[in-house]
PDB file of N, CA and C in Angstrom:
ATOM      1  N   MET A   1       6.599 -23.434  -8.431  1.00  0.00           N
ATOM      2  CA  MET A   1       7.217 -22.353  -8.998  1.00  0.00           C
ATOM      3  C   MET A   1       7.201 -20.986  -8.099  1.00  0.00           C
ATOM      4  N   LYS A   2       8.404 -20.299  -8.483  1.00  0.00           N
ATOM      5  CA  LYS A   2       8.484 -18.980  -7.909  1.00  0.00           C
ATOM      6  C   LYS A   2       7.600 -18.016  -8.357  1.00  0.00           C
ATOM      7  N   LEU A   3       6.855 -17.049  -7.425  1.00  0.00           N
ATOM      8  CA  LEU A   3       6.244 -16.280  -7.943  1.00  0.00           C
ATOM      9  C   LEU A   3       7.228 -14.478  -7.474  1.00  0.00           C
ATOM     10  N   ARG A   4       6.975 -13.941  -9.050  1.00  0.00           N
ATOM     11  CA  ARG A   4       7.365 -12.550  -8.995  1.00  0.00           C
ATOM     12  C   ARG A   4       6.336 -11.667  -9.266  1.00  0.00           C
ATOM     13  N   TRP A   5       6.177 -10.406  -8.629  1.00  0.00           N
ATOM     14  CA  TRP A   5       4.900  -9.311  -9.478  1.00  0.00           C
ATOM     15  C   TRP A   5       6.027  -8.334  -9.798  1.00  0.00           C
ATOM     16  N   SER A   6       5.082  -7.769 -11.386  1.00  0.00           N
ATOM     17  CA  SER A   6       5.832  -6.655 -11.999  1.00  0.00           C
ATOM     18  C   SER A   6       5.283  -5.292 -11.301  1.00  0.00           C
ATOM     19  N   ARG A   7       6.189  -4.087 -11.439  1.00  0.00           N
ATOM     20  CA  ARG A   7       5.987  -3.252 -10.900  1.00  0.00           C
ATOM     21  C   ARG A   7       4.344  -2.582 -11.066  1.00  0.00           C
ATOM     22  N   ARG A   8       3.900  -3.021 -12.147  1.00  0.00           N
ATOM     23  CA  ARG A   8       2.749  -2.802 -12.576  1.00  0.00           C
ATOM     24  C   ARG A   8       1.717  -3.430 -11.690  1.00  0.00           C
ATOM     25  N   ALA A   9       1.720  -4.344 -11.439  1.00  0.00           N
ATOM     26  CA  ALA A   9       0.699  -5.533 -10.842  1.00  0.00           C
ATOM     27  C   ALA A   9       1.111  -4.762  -9.069  1.00  0.00           C
ATOM     28  N   GLN A  10       2.365  -4.820  -8.783  1.00  0.00           N
ATOM     29  CA  GLN A  10       2.398  -3.890  -7.385  1.00  0.00           C
ATOM     30  C   GLN A  10       1.612  -2.769  -7.295  1.00  0.00           C
ATOM     31  N   GLN A  11       1.787  -1.857  -8.218  1.00  0.00           N
ATOM     32  CA  GLN A  11       0.916  -0.919  -8.454  1.00  0.00           C
ATOM     33  C   GLN A  11      -0.671  -0.487  -8.272  1.00  0.00           C
ATOM     34  N   ASP A  12      -0.915  -1.748  -8.934  1.00  0.00           N
ATOM     35  CA  ASP A  12      -2.342  -2.342  -8.965  1.00  0.00           C
ATOM     36  C   ASP A  12      -3.008  -2.557  -7.956  1.00  0.00           C
ATOM     37  N   LEU A  13      -2.493  -3.410  -7.317  1.00  0.00           N
ATOM     38  CA  LEU A  13      -2.450  -3.613  -5.887  1.00  0.00           C
ATOM     39  C   LEU A  13      -2.471  -2.759  -4.553  1.00  0.00           C
ATOM     40  N   LEU A  14      -1.826  -1.822  -4.640  1.00  0.00           N
ATOM     41  CA  LEU A  14      -2.000  -0.550  -4.186  1.00  0.00           C
ATOM     42  C   LEU A  14      -2.912   0.449  -4.409  1.00  0.00           C
ATOM     43  N   GLU A  15      -3.361   0.707  -5.500  1.00  0.00           N
ATOM     44  CA  GLU A  15      -4.709   1.427  -6.255  1.00  0.00           C
ATOM     45  C   GLU A  15      -5.706   0.812  -5.788  1.00  0.00           C
ATOM     46  N   ILE A  16      -6.000  -0.751  -5.783  1.00  0.00           N
ATOM     47  CA  ILE A  16      -7.049  -1.159  -5.243  1.00  0.00           C
ATOM     48  C   ILE A  16      -7.298  -1.327  -3.676  1.00  0.00           C
ATOM     49  N   GLY A  17      -6.032  -1.293  -2.748  1.00  0.00           N
ATOM     50  CA  GLY A  17      -6.206  -1.054  -1.674  1.00  0.00           C
ATOM     51  C   GLY A  17      -7.051   0.451  -0.995  1.00  0.00           C
ATOM     52  N   ARG A  18      -6.236   1.228  -1.712  1.00  0.00           N
ATOM     53  CA  ARG A  18      -6.239   2.463  -1.617  1.00  0.00           C
ATOM     54  C   ARG A  18      -8.154   2.728  -1.673  1.00  0.00           C
ATOM     55  N   PHE A  19      -8.218   2.378  -3.121  1.00  0.00           N
ATOM     56  CA  PHE A  19      -9.713   3.042  -3.492  1.00  0.00           C
ATOM     57  C   PHE A  19     -10.730   2.136  -2.318  1.00  0.00           C
ATOM     58  N   ILE A  20     -10.514   0.813  -1.820  1.00  0.00           N
ATOM     59  CA  ILE A  20     -11.496   0.407  -1.197  1.00  0.00           C
ATOM     60  C   ILE A  20     -11.217   1.019   0.376  1.00  0.00           C
ATOM     61  N   ALA A  21     -10.184   1.485   0.847  1.00  0.00           N
ATOM     62  CA  ALA A  21     -10.084   1.816   1.961  1.00  0.00           C
ATOM     63  C   ALA A  21     -10.663   3.155   2.179  1.00  0.00           C
ATOM     64  N   LYS A  22     -11.034   3.962   1.106  1.00  0.00           N
ATOM     65  CA  LYS A  22     -11.672   5.085   1.438  1.00  0.00           C
ATOM     66  C   LYS A  22     -12.828   4.753   2.176  1.00  0.00           C
ATOM     67  N   ASP A  23     -13.711   3.801   1.692  1.00  0.00           N
ATOM     68  CA  ASP A  23     -14.980   3.454   2.706  1.00  0.00           C
ATOM     69  C   ASP A  23     -14.809   2.441   3.930  1.00  0.00           C
ATOM     70  N   LYS A  24     -13.558   1.348   3.427  1.00  0.00           N
ATOM     71  CA  LYS A  24     -13.789   0.239   4.582  1.00  0.00           C
ATOM     72  C   LYS A  24     -11.968   0.194   4.722  1.00  0.00           C
ATOM     73  N   ARG A  25     -11.211   0.404   5.912  1.00  0.00           N
ATOM     74  CA  ARG A  25      -9.637   0.037   5.718  1.00  0.00           C
ATOM     75  C   ARG A  25      -9.669  -1.308   6.256  1.00  0.00           C
ATOM     76  N   ALA A  26     -10.256  -1.736   7.011  1.00  0.00           N
ATOM     77  CA  ALA A  26     -10.144  -3.247   6.997  1.00  0.00           C
ATOM     78  C   ALA A  26     -10.395  -4.260   5.919  1.00  0.00           C
ATOM     79  N   VAL A  27     -11.740  -3.982   5.465  1.00  0.00           N
ATOM     80  CA  VAL A  27     -12.178  -4.687   4.327  1.00  0.00           C
ATOM     81  C   VAL A  27     -10.798  -4.562   2.928  1.00  0.00           C
ATOM     82  N   ALA A  28     -10.518  -3.132   2.912  1.00  0.00           N
ATOM     83  CA  ALA A  28      -9.611  -3.147   1.759  1.00  0.00           C
ATOM     84  C   ALA A  28      -8.054  -4.104   2.048  1.00  0.00           C
ATOM     85  N   ARG A  29      -7.618  -4.337   3.262  1.00  0.00           N
ATOM     86  CA  ARG A  29      -6.522  -5.373   3.823  1.00  0.00           C
ATOM     87  C   ARG A  29      -7.001  -6.731   3.102  1.00  0.00           C
ATOM     88  N   LYS A  30      -8.039  -7.049   3.601  1.00  0.00           N
ATOM     89  CA  LYS A  30      -8.343  -8.463   3.257  1.00  0.00           C
ATOM     90  C   LYS A  30      -8.538  -8.568   1.941  1.00  0.00           C
ATOM     91  N   TRP A  31      -9.083  -7.843   0.882  1.00  0.00           N
ATOM     92  CA  TRP A  31      -9.418  -7.854  -0.035  1.00  0.00           C
ATOM     93  C   TRP A  31      -8.001  -8.137  -1.083  1.00  0.00           C
ATOM     94  N   VAL A  32      -7.332  -7.271  -0.610  1.00  0.00           N
ATOM     95  CA  VAL A  32      -5.866  -7.082  -1.066  1.00  0.00           C
ATOM     96  C   VAL A  32      -5.109  -8.551  -0.633  1.00  0.00           C
ATOM     97  N   GLU A  33      -5.021  -9.143   0.436  1.00  0.00           N
ATOM     98  CA  GLU A  33      -4.555 -10.352   0.547  1.00  0.00           C
ATOM     99  C   GLU A  33      -5.418 -11.552   0.151  1.00  0.00           C
ATOM    100  N   ARG A  34      -6.638 -11.436  -0.128  1.00  0.00           N
ATOM    101  CA  ARG A  34      -7.316 -12.663  -1.262  1.00  0.00           C
ATOM    102  C   ARG A  34      -6.722 -12.672  -2.744  1.00  0.00           C
ATOM    103  N   LEU A  35      -6.526 -11.472  -3.021  1.00  0.00           N
ATOM    104  CA  LEU A  35      -5.707 -11.041  -4.272  1.00  0.00           C
ATOM    105  C   LEU A  35      -4.392 -12.049  -4.540  1.00  0.00           C
ATOM    106  N   ARG A  36      -3.671 -11.721  -3.379  1.00  0.00           N
ATOM    107  CA  ARG A  36      -2.177 -12.036  -3.286  1.00  0.00           C
ATOM    108  C   ARG A  36      -1.684 -13.742  -2.759  1.00  0.00           C
ATOM    109  N   ARG A  37      -3.139 -14.113  -2.300  1.00  0.00           N
ATOM    110  CA  ARG A  37      -3.265 -15.314  -1.878  1.00  0.00           C
ATOM    111  C   ARG A  37      -3.392 -16.240  -3.371  1.00  0.00           C
ATOM    112  N   ARG A  38      -4.530 -15.954  -3.998  1.00  0.00           N
ATOM    113  CA  ARG A  38      -5.153 -16.068  -5.381  1.00  0.00           C
ATOM    114  C   ARG A  38      -4.018 -16.136  -6.291  1.00  0.00           C
ATOM    115  N   ALA A  39      -2.848 -15.429  -6.264  1.00  0.00           N
ATOM    116  CA  ALA A  39      -1.436 -15.376  -6.987  1.00  0.00           C
ATOM    117  C   ALA A  39      -0.874 -16.035  -6.736  1.00  0.00           C
ATOM    118  N   ARG A  40      -0.469 -16.677  -5.440  1.00  0.00           N
ATOM    119  CA  ARG A  40       0.396 -17.731  -5.095  1.00  0.00           C
ATOM    120  C   ARG A  40      -0.813 -19.356  -5.240  1.00  0.00           C
ATOM    121  N   GLN A  41      -1.911 -19.019  -5.342  1.00  0.00           N
ATOM    122  CA  GLN A  41      -2.146 -20.626  -6.301  1.00  0.00           C
ATOM    123  C   GLN A  41      -2.148 -20.542  -7.611  1.00  0.00           C
ATOM    124  N   ALA A  42      -1.923 -19.742  -8.218  1.00  0.00           N
ATOM    125  CA  ALA A  42      -1.526 -19.666  -9.581  1.00  0.00           C
ATOM    126  C   ALA A  42      -0.111 -19.915  -9.865  1.00  0.00           C
ATOM    127  N   ALA A  43       0.946 -19.640  -8.721  1.00  0.00           N
ATOM    128  CA  ALA A  43       2.106 -20.098  -8.984  1.00  0.00           C
ATOM    129  C   ALA A  43       2.021 -21.662  -8.770  1.00  0.00           C
ATOM    130  N   LYS A  44       1.233 -21.824  -8.024  1.00  0.00           N
ATOM    131  CA  LYS A  44       1.206 -23.195  -7.512  1.00  0.00           C
ATOM    132  C   LYS A  44       1.021 -24.106  -8.775  1.00  0.00           C
ATOM    133  N   PHE A  45      -0.289 -23.780  -9.335  1.00  0.00           N
ATOM    134  CA  PHE A  45      -0.761 -24.518 -10.376  1.00  0.00           C
ATOM    135  C   PHE A  45      -0.878 -23.435 -11.683  1.00  0.00           C
ATOM    136  N   PRO A  46       0.466 -23.641 -12.440  1.00  0.00           N
ATOM    137  CA  PRO A  46       0.197 -21.858 -13.586  1.00  0.00           C
ATOM    138  C   PRO A  46      -0.457 -22.111 -14.567  1.00  0.00           C
ATOM    139  N   ASN A  47      -0.896 -23.705 -15.370  1.00  0.00           N
ATOM    140  CA  ASN A  47      -1.678 -23.789 -16.073  1.00  0.00           C
ATOM    141  C   ASN A  47      -3.095 -23.385 -15.779  1.00  0.00           C
ATOM    142  N   SER A  48      -3.475 -23.902 -14.331  1.00  0.00           N
ATOM    143  CA  SER A  48      -4.967 -23.500 -14.245  1.00  0.00           C
ATOM    144  C   SER A  48      -5.721 -22.561 -14.410  1.00  0.00           C
ATOM    145  N   GLY A  49      -5.090 -21.243 -14.467  1.00  0.00           N
ATOM    146  CA  GLY A  49      -5.535 -20.291 -15.169  1.00  0.00           C
ATOM    147  C   GLY A  49      -5.877 -20.599 -16.749  1.00  0.00           C
ATOM    148  N   ARG A  50      -7.150 -19.431 -17.275  1.00  0.00           N
ATOM    149  CA  ARG A  50      -7.125 -19.861 -18.631  1.00  0.00           C
ATOM    150  C   ARG A  50      -6.093 -18.847 -19.653  1.00  0.00           C
ATOM    151  N   VAL A  51      -6.170 -19.200 -20.602  1.00  0.00           N
ATOM    152  CA  VAL A  51      -5.565 -17.809 -21.690  1.00  0.00           C
ATOM    153  C   VAL A  51      -6.557 -16.800 -21.840  1.00  0.00           C
ATOM    154  N   VAL A  52      -5.489 -15.860 -21.517  1.00  0.00           N
ATOM    155  CA  VAL A  52      -6.099 -14.480 -22.166  1.00  0.00           C
ATOM    156  C   VAL A  52      -6.655 -14.372 -23.479  1.00  0.00           C
ATOM    157  N   PRO A  53      -7.765 -14.031 -23.228  1.00  0.00           N
ATOM    158  CA  PRO A  53      -8.380 -14.149 -24.685  1.00  0.00           C
ATOM    159  C   PRO A  53      -8.245 -13.118 -25.430  1.00  0.00           C
ATOM    160  N   GLU A  54      -7.398 -12.015 -25.156  1.00  0.00           N
ATOM    161  CA  GLU A  54      -6.941 -10.878 -26.252  1.00  0.00           C
ATOM    162  C   GLU A  54      -5.998 -11.203 -26.872  1.00  0.00           C
ATOM    163  N   TYR A  55      -5.397 -12.357 -26.454  1.00  0.00           N
ATOM    164  CA  TYR A  55      -3.570 -12.470 -26.866  1.00  0.00           C
ATOM    165  C   TYR A  55      -3.490 -13.976 -27.243  1.00  0.00           C
ATOM    166  N   SER A  56      -4.392 -15.093 -26.845  1.00  0.00           N
ATOM    167  CA  SER A  56      -4.114 -16.319 -27.077  1.00  0.00           C
ATOM    168  C   SER A  56      -3.073 -17.002 -27.441  1.00  0.00           C
ATOM    169  N   ARG A  57      -1.743 -16.265 -26.314  1.00  0.00           N
ATOM    170  CA  ARG A  57      -0.902 -17.045 -26.057  1.00  0.00           C
ATOM    171  C   ARG A  57      -0.749 -18.272 -24.600  1.00  0.00           C
ATOM    172  N   PRO A  58      -0.385 -19.422 -25.112  1.00  0.00           N
ATOM    173  CA  PRO A  58      -0.322 -20.112 -23.825  1.00  0.00           C
ATOM    174  C   PRO A  58       0.186 -19.556 -22.769  1.00  0.00           C
ATOM    175  N   GLU A  59       1.336 -18.903 -23.207  1.00  0.00           N
ATOM    176  CA  GLU A  59       2.063 -18.791 -21.319  1.00  0.00           C
ATOM    177  C   GLU A  59       1.625 -17.221 -20.872  1.00  0.00           C
ATOM    178  N   LEU A  60       0.434 -16.794 -21.459  1.00  0.00           N
ATOM    179  CA  LEU A  60      -0.022 -15.462 -20.844  1.00  0.00           C
ATOM    180  C   LEU A  60      -1.389 -15.954 -20.642  1.00  0.00           C
ATOM    181  N   ARG A  61      -1.801 -15.900 -19.136  1.00  0.00           N
ATOM    182  CA  ARG A  61      -2.918 -16.474 -18.514  1.00  0.00           C
ATOM    183  C   ARG A  61      -3.655 -15.404 -17.309  1.00  0.00           C
ATOM    184  N   GLU A  62      -4.512 -16.051 -17.072  1.00  0.00           N
ATOM    185  CA  GLU A  62      -5.169 -15.271 -16.387  1.00  0.00           C
ATOM    186  C   GLU A  62      -6.111 -16.104 -15.011  1.00  0.00           C
ATOM    187  N   ILE A  63      -6.370 -15.490 -14.035  1.00  0.00           N
ATOM    188  CA  ILE A  63      -7.381 -16.098 -13.248  1.00  0.00           C
ATOM    189  C   ILE A  63      -8.466 -14.869 -12.681  1.00  0.00           C
ATOM    190  N   LEU A  64      -9.500 -15.471 -12.151  1.00  0.00           N
ATOM    191  CA  LEU A  64     -10.550 -14.359 -11.820  1.00  0.00           C
ATOM    192  C   LEU A  64     -10.854 -14.767 -10.550  1.00  0.00           C
ATOM    193  N   LEU A  65     -11.122 -13.611  -9.610  1.00  0.00           N
ATOM    194  CA  LEU A  65     -11.416 -12.994  -8.335  1.00  0.00           C
ATOM    195  C   LEU A  65     -12.630 -12.381  -8.334  1.00  0.00           C
ATOM    196  N   GLN A  66     -13.822 -12.713  -8.083  1.00  0.00           N
ATOM    197  CA  GLN A  66     -14.966 -12.008  -8.319  1.00  0.00           C
ATOM    198  C   GLN A  66     -14.721 -11.226  -9.740  1.00  0.00           C
ATOM    199  N   ASN A  67     -15.067  -9.916  -9.398  1.00  0.00           N
ATOM    200  CA  ASN A  67     -14.920  -9.324 -10.638  1.00  0.00           C
ATOM    201  C   ASN A  67     -13.256  -8.522 -11.305  1.00  0.00           C
ATOM    202  N   TYR A  68     -12.362  -9.152 -10.302  1.00  0.00           N
ATOM    203  CA  TYR A  68     -10.892  -9.006 -10.952  1.00  0.00           C
ATOM    204  C   TYR A  68     -10.495 -10.008 -11.460  1.00  0.00           C
ATOM    205  N   ARG A  69      -9.246  -9.662 -12.591  1.00  0.00           N
ATOM    206  CA  ARG A  69      -8.699 -10.378 -13.330  1.00  0.00           C
ATOM    207  C   ARG A  69      -7.358  -9.952 -12.794  1.00  0.00           C
ATOM    208  N   ILE A  70      -6.749 -11.455 -12.616  1.00  0.00           N
ATOM    209  CA  ILE A  70      -5.127 -11.421 -11.875  1.00  0.00           C
ATOM    210  C   ILE A  70      -4.519 -12.043 -13.409  1.00  0.00           C
ATOM    211  N   VAL A  71      -3.463 -11.446 -14.261  1.00  0.00           N
ATOM    212  CA  VAL A  71      -3.093 -11.703 -15.046  1.00  0.00           C
ATOM    213  C   VAL A  71      -1.490 -11.860 -15.074  1.00  0.00           C
ATOM    214  N   TYR A  72      -1.221 -13.009 -15.771  1.00  0.00           N
ATOM    215  CA  TYR A  72       0.202 -13.422 -15.128  1.00  0.00           C
ATOM    216  C   TYR A  72       0.903 -14.274 -16.440  1.00  0.00           C
ATOM    217  N   GLN A  73       2.358 -14.300 -16.532  1.00  0.00           N
ATOM    218  CA  GLN A  73       2.674 -14.931 -17.467  1.00  0.00           C
ATOM    219  C   GLN A  73       3.790 -15.835 -16.864  1.00  0.00           C
ATOM    220  N   VAL A  74       3.580 -17.289 -17.535  1.00  0.00           N
ATOM    221  CA  VAL A  74       4.243 -18.390 -17.246  1.00  0.00           C
ATOM    222  C   VAL A  74       5.485 -18.811 -17.875  1.00  0.00           C
ATOM    223  N   GLY A  75       6.413 -18.662 -17.151  1.00  0.00           N
ATOM    224  CA  GLY A  75       7.981 -18.543 -17.753  1.00  0.00           C
ATOM    225  C   GLY A  75       8.629 -19.873 -17.068  1.00  0.00           C
ATOM    226  N   GLU A  76      10.318 -20.248 -17.130  1.00  0.00           N
ATOM    227  CA  GLU A  76      10.780 -21.438 -16.569  1.00  0.00           C
ATOM    228  C   GLU A  76      10.806 -21.074 -15.044  1.00  0.00           C
ATOM    229  N   GLY A  77      10.785 -21.954 -14.539  1.00  0.00           N
ATOM    230  CA  GLY A  77      10.588 -21.722 -13.392  1.00  0.00           C
ATOM    231  C   GLY A  77       9.834 -20.642 -12.113  1.00  0.00           C
ATOM    232  N   ALA A  78       8.949 -19.922 -13.284  1.00  0.00           N
ATOM    233  CA  ALA A  78       8.513 -18.789 -12.340  1.00  0.00           C
ATOM    234  C   ALA A  78       7.031 -18.372 -13.006  1.00  0.00           C
ATOM    235  N   VAL A  79       6.353 -17.540 -12.433  1.00  0.00           N
ATOM    236  CA  VAL A  79       5.332 -17.338 -12.512  1.00  0.00           C
ATOM    237  C   VAL A  79       5.410 -15.691 -12.194  1.00  0.00           C
ATOM    238  N   GLU A  80       5.008 -14.810 -13.369  1.00  0.00           N
ATOM    239  CA  GLU A  80       5.007 -13.222 -12.821  1.00  0.00           C
ATOM    240  C   GLU A  80       3.392 -12.942 -13.177  1.00  0.00           C
ATOM    241  N   ILE A  81       3.138 -12.320 -12.221  1.00  0.00           N
ATOM    242  CA  ILE A  81       1.787 -11.307 -12.185  1.00  0.00           C
ATOM    243  C   ILE A  81       2.449  -9.889 -12.912  1.00  0.00           C
ATOM    244  N   LEU A  82       1.441  -9.868 -14.148  1.00  0.00           N
ATOM    245  CA  LEU A  82       1.825  -8.645 -14.787  1.00  0.00           C
ATOM    246  C   LEU A  82       0.602  -7.626 -14.417  1.00  0.00           C
ATOM    247  N   THR A  83      -0.821  -8.246 -13.881  1.00  0.00           N
ATOM    248  CA  THR A  83      -1.500  -6.699 -13.499  1.00  0.00           C
ATOM    249  C   THR A  83      -3.018  -7.263 -13.156  1.00  0.00           C
ATOM    250  N   VAL A  84      -3.390  -6.646 -12.417  1.00  0.00           N
ATOM    251  CA  VAL A  84      -4.641  -7.098 -11.612  1.00  0.00           C
ATOM    252  C   VAL A  84      -5.395  -5.830 -11.843  1.00  0.00           C
ATOM    253  N   PHE A  85      -6.557  -6.179 -12.526  1.00  0.00           N
ATOM    254  CA  PHE A  85      -7.647  -4.760 -13.087  1.00  0.00           C
ATOM    255  C   PHE A  85      -9.228  -5.509 -12.735  1.00  0.00           C
ATOM    256  N   GLU A  86     -10.051  -4.689 -12.791  1.00  0.00           N
ATOM    257  CA  GLU A  86     -11.564  -4.842 -12.880  1.00  0.00           C
ATOM    258  C   GLU A  86     -11.706  -5.706 -14.040  1.00  0.00           C
ATOM    259  N   GLY A  87     -12.623  -6.624 -14.243  1.00  0.00           N
ATOM    260  CA  GLY A  87     -12.944  -7.489 -15.450  1.00  0.00           C
ATOM    261  C   GLY A  87     -14.037  -6.456 -16.501  1.00  0.00           C
ATOM    262  N   HIS A  88     -14.179  -5.369 -15.880  1.00  0.00           N
ATOM    263  CA  HIS A  88     -15.056  -4.669 -16.864  1.00  0.00           C
ATOM    264  C   HIS A  88     -14.082  -3.704 -17.833  1.00  0.00           C
ATOM    265  N   LEU A  89     -13.166  -3.742 -17.068  1.00  0.00           N
ATOM    266  CA  LEU A  89     -12.072  -2.331 -17.905  1.00  0.00           C
ATOM    267  C   LEU A  89     -11.346  -3.298 -19.075  1.00  0.00           C
ATOM    268  N   LEU A  90     -10.662  -2.665 -20.396  1.00  0.00           N
ATOM    269  CA  LEU A  90     -10.167  -3.233 -21.247  1.00  0.00           C
ATOM    270  C   LEU A  90      -8.740  -3.713 -20.656  1.00  0.00           C
ATOM    271  N   PHE A  91      -8.226  -4.673 -21.072  1.00  0.00           N
ATOM    272  CA  PHE A  91      -6.718  -5.288 -20.826  1.00  0.00           C
ATOM    273  C   PHE A  91      -5.882  -4.266 -21.341  1.00  0.00           C
ATOM    274  N   PRO A  92      -4.968  -3.645 -20.115  1.00  0.00           N
ATOM    275  CA  PRO A  92      -4.146  -2.705 -20.243  1.00  0.00           C
ATOM    276  C   PRO A  92      -2.718  -3.643 -21.240  1.00  0.00           C
ATOM    277  N   ALA A  93      -2.920  -3.060 -22.766  1.00  0.00           N
ATOM    278  CA  ALA A  93      -1.850  -3.604 -23.367  1.00  0.00           C
ATOM    279  C   ALA A  93      -0.100  -3.409 -22.960  1.00  0.00           C
ATOM    280  N   ASP A  94      -0.056  -2.118 -22.127  1.00  0.00           N
ATOM    281  CA  ASP A  94       1.070  -1.617 -22.035  1.00  0.00           C
ATOM    282  C   ASP A  94       1.664  -2.697 -20.662  1.00  0.00           C
ATOM    283  N   SER A  95       0.848  -3.692 -20.129  1.00  0.00           N
ATOM    284  CA  SER A  95       1.205  -4.292 -19.059  1.00  0.00           C
ATOM    285  C   SER A  95       2.101  -5.536 -19.537  1.00  0.00           C
ATOM    286  N   ILE A  96       2.042  -5.589 -20.884  1.00  0.00           N
ATOM    287  CA  ILE A  96       3.198  -7.185 -20.923  1.00  0.00           C
ATOM    288  C   ILE A  96       4.451  -6.442 -21.304  1.00  0.00           C
ATOM    289  N   ALA A  97       4.816  -5.331 -21.568  1.00  0.00           N
ATOM    290  CA  ALA A  97       5.944  -5.014 -21.846  1.00  0.00           C
ATOM    291  C   ALA A  97       6.457  -4.377 -20.600  1.00  0.00           C
ATOM    292  N   ASP A  98       5.531  -4.091 -19.387  1.00  0.00           N
ATOM    293  CA  ASP A  98       6.137  -3.451 -17.991  1.00  0.00           C
ATOM    294  C   ASP A  98       6.703  -4.917 -17.516  1.00  0.00           C
ATOM    295  N   SER A  99       6.401  -6.197 -17.833  1.00  0.00           N
ATOM    296  CA  SER A  99       7.180  -7.277 -17.319  1.00  0.00           C
ATOM    297  C   SER A  99       8.707  -7.383 -17.688  1.00  0.00           C
ATOM    298  N   ASP A 100       8.992  -6.722 -18.366  1.00  0.00           N
ATOM    299  CA  ASP A 100      10.417  -6.854 -19.107  1.00  0.00           C
ATOM    300  C   ASP A 100      11.589  -6.306 -18.073  1.00  0.00           C
ATOM    301  N   GLU A 101      10.822  -5.412 -17.218  1.00  0.00           N
ATOM    302  CA  GLU A 101      11.687  -4.386 -16.278  1.00  0.00           C
ATOM    303  C   GLU A 101      12.437  -4.982 -15.357  1.00  0.00           C
TER     304      GLU A 101
END
């Protein structure tokens, strides 16, 4: 399946990288790459992620990487990463609407 990133998800990765880079730049690059690699795995196996509990919609799934949630939507022929955020935060409800841009 093709992998797409919403604007919000792209911005999420930038912010995560910038935050980590304040302390350790090399670690930030590696961490963001790990998140990207995990997203690529979701595109290969789209139903491997769990259904996002806040919505219970089968096409809206997430995979976890340590304390981060990578939320994606499964469509015809493509997986779109909607948002990436720390798991202790609330799900950003506006991230679903952002995917329609």
